[in-house]
Amino acid sequence: MKPIPFDATYLPLLHGVGGAYDELIIFGGIGLILVVLGYLSWKASNGKEQRRQKRKARRVGRKR
């Protein structure tokens, strides 16, 4: 059984398109997607909270 040669340990993920920055491009893209999804989730929950506050204010106003 032969050991893995040192020159074959680097496997370019984008087939050498980005050079040594292949991993940075891929993981940066994944990170960007996660940031966008987090922002959209925060925005949706913020809107939901505002709608809940308005509904609660209407209920309190009706009881008087």
C-alpha atoms as a PDB file:
ATOM      1  CA  MET A   1       0.000   0.000   0.000  1.00  0.00           C
ATOM      2  CA  LYS A   2       1.488   3.319  -1.079  1.00  0.00           C
ATOM      3  CA  PRO A   3       1.202   6.441   1.063  1.00  0.00           C
ATOM      4  CA  ILE A   4      -0.501   9.480  -0.432  1.00  0.00           C
ATOM      5  CA  PRO A   5       2.123  11.643  -2.158  1.00  0.00           C
ATOM      6  CA  PHE A   6       2.366  15.242  -0.928  1.00  0.00           C
ATOM      7  CA  ASP A   7       1.779  16.716  -4.382  1.00  0.00           C
ATOM      8  CA  ALA A   8      -1.609  14.968  -4.680  1.00  0.00           C
ATOM      9  CA  THR A   9      -3.068  16.228  -1.382  1.00  0.00           C
ATOM     10  CA  TYR A  10      -4.375  19.506  -2.894  1.00  0.00           C
ATOM     11  CA  LEU A  11      -7.640  18.864  -4.725  1.00  0.00           C
ATOM     12  CA  PRO A  12      -9.043  22.033  -6.287  1.00  0.00           C
ATOM     13  CA  LEU A  13     -12.775  22.123  -5.643  1.00  0.00           C
ATOM     14  CA  LEU A  14     -13.631  24.253  -8.668  1.00  0.00           C
ATOM     15  CA  HIS A  15     -11.210  22.398 -10.923  1.00  0.00           C
ATOM     16  CA  GLY A  16      -8.619  25.110 -10.643  1.00  0.00           C
ATOM     17  CA  VAL A  17     -10.850  27.953 -11.783  1.00  0.00           C
ATOM     18  CA  GLY A  18     -10.185  30.095  -8.709  1.00  0.00           C
ATOM     19  CA  GLY A  19      -6.651  28.917  -8.136  1.00  0.00           C
ATOM     20  CA  ALA A  20      -5.778  28.618  -4.477  1.00  0.00           C
ATOM     21  CA  TYR A  21      -8.981  30.449  -3.502  1.00  0.00           C
ATOM     22  CA  ASP A  22     -11.432  27.694  -4.488  1.00  0.00           C
ATOM     23  CA  GLU A  23     -12.389  26.917  -0.891  1.00  0.00           C
ATOM     24  CA  LEU A  24     -12.746  30.604  -0.059  1.00  0.00           C
ATOM     25  CA  ILE A  25     -15.150  31.080  -2.977  1.00  0.00           C
ATOM     26  CA  ILE A  26     -17.284  28.083  -2.000  1.00  0.00           C
ATOM     27  CA  PHE A  27     -17.396  28.728   1.745  1.00  0.00           C
ATOM     28  CA  GLY A  28     -17.868  32.469   1.179  1.00  0.00           C
ATOM     29  CA  GLY A  29     -20.878  31.705  -1.012  1.00  0.00           C
ATOM     30  CA  ILE A  30     -22.319  29.383   1.609  1.00  0.00           C
ATOM     31  CA  GLY A  31     -21.724  32.034   4.277  1.00  0.00           C
ATOM     32  CA  LEU A  32     -23.429  34.665   2.145  1.00  0.00           C
ATOM     33  CA  ILE A  33     -26.451  32.415   1.682  1.00  0.00           C
ATOM     34  CA  LEU A  34     -26.642  31.864   5.455  1.00  0.00           C
ATOM     35  CA  VAL A  35     -26.440  35.605   6.139  1.00  0.00           C
ATOM     36  CA  VAL A  36     -29.221  36.347   3.634  1.00  0.00           C
ATOM     37  CA  LEU A  37     -31.447  33.607   5.059  1.00  0.00           C
ATOM     38  CA  GLY A  38     -30.810  34.882   8.589  1.00  0.00           C
ATOM     39  CA  TYR A  39     -31.737  38.423   7.551  1.00  0.00           C
ATOM     40  CA  LEU A  40     -34.936  37.260   5.861  1.00  0.00           C
ATOM     41  CA  SER A  41     -35.860  35.213   8.924  1.00  0.00           C
ATOM     42  CA  TRP A  42     -35.245  38.201  11.205  1.00  0.00           C
ATOM     43  CA  LYS A  43     -37.289  40.469   8.944  1.00  0.00           C
ATOM     44  CA  ALA A  44     -40.208  38.014   8.906  1.00  0.00           C
ATOM     45  CA  SER A  45     -40.177  37.581  12.679  1.00  0.00           C
ATOM     46  CA  ASN A  46     -39.963  41.355  13.165  1.00  0.00           C
ATOM     47  CA  GLY A  47     -43.023  41.836  10.933  1.00  0.00           C
ATOM     48  CA  LYS A  48     -44.864  39.102  12.781  1.00  0.00           C
ATOM     49  CA  GLU A  49     -44.103  40.782  16.111  1.00  0.00           C
ATOM     50  CA  GLN A  50     -45.398  44.134  14.825  1.00  0.00           C
ATOM     51  CA  ARG A  51     -48.625  42.525  13.597  1.00  0.00           C
ATOM     52  CA  ARG A  52     -49.054  40.867  17.001  1.00  0.00           C
ATOM     53  CA  GLN A  53     -48.569  44.199  18.770  1.00  0.00           C
ATOM     54  CA  LYS A  54     -51.187  45.874  16.537  1.00  0.00           C
ATOM     55  CA  ARG A  55     -53.664  43.054  17.142  1.00  0.00           C
ATOM     56  CA  LYS A  56     -53.075  43.280  20.894  1.00  0.00           C
ATOM     57  CA  ALA A  57     -53.588  47.067  20.843  1.00  0.00           C
ATOM     58  CA  ARG A  58     -56.889  46.644  18.966  1.00  0.00           C
ATOM     59  CA  ARG A  59     -58.141  44.122  21.551  1.00  0.00           C
ATOM     60  CA  VAL A  60     -57.299  46.431  24.451  1.00  0.00           C
ATOM     61  CA  GLY A  61     -59.035  49.348  22.688  1.00  0.00           C
ATOM     62  CA  ARG A  62     -62.220  47.296  22.184  1.00  0.00           C
ATOM     63  CA  LYS A  63     -62.610  46.421  25.869  1.00  0.00           C
ATOM     64  CA  ARG A  64     -62.921  50.069  26.973  1.00  0.00           C
END
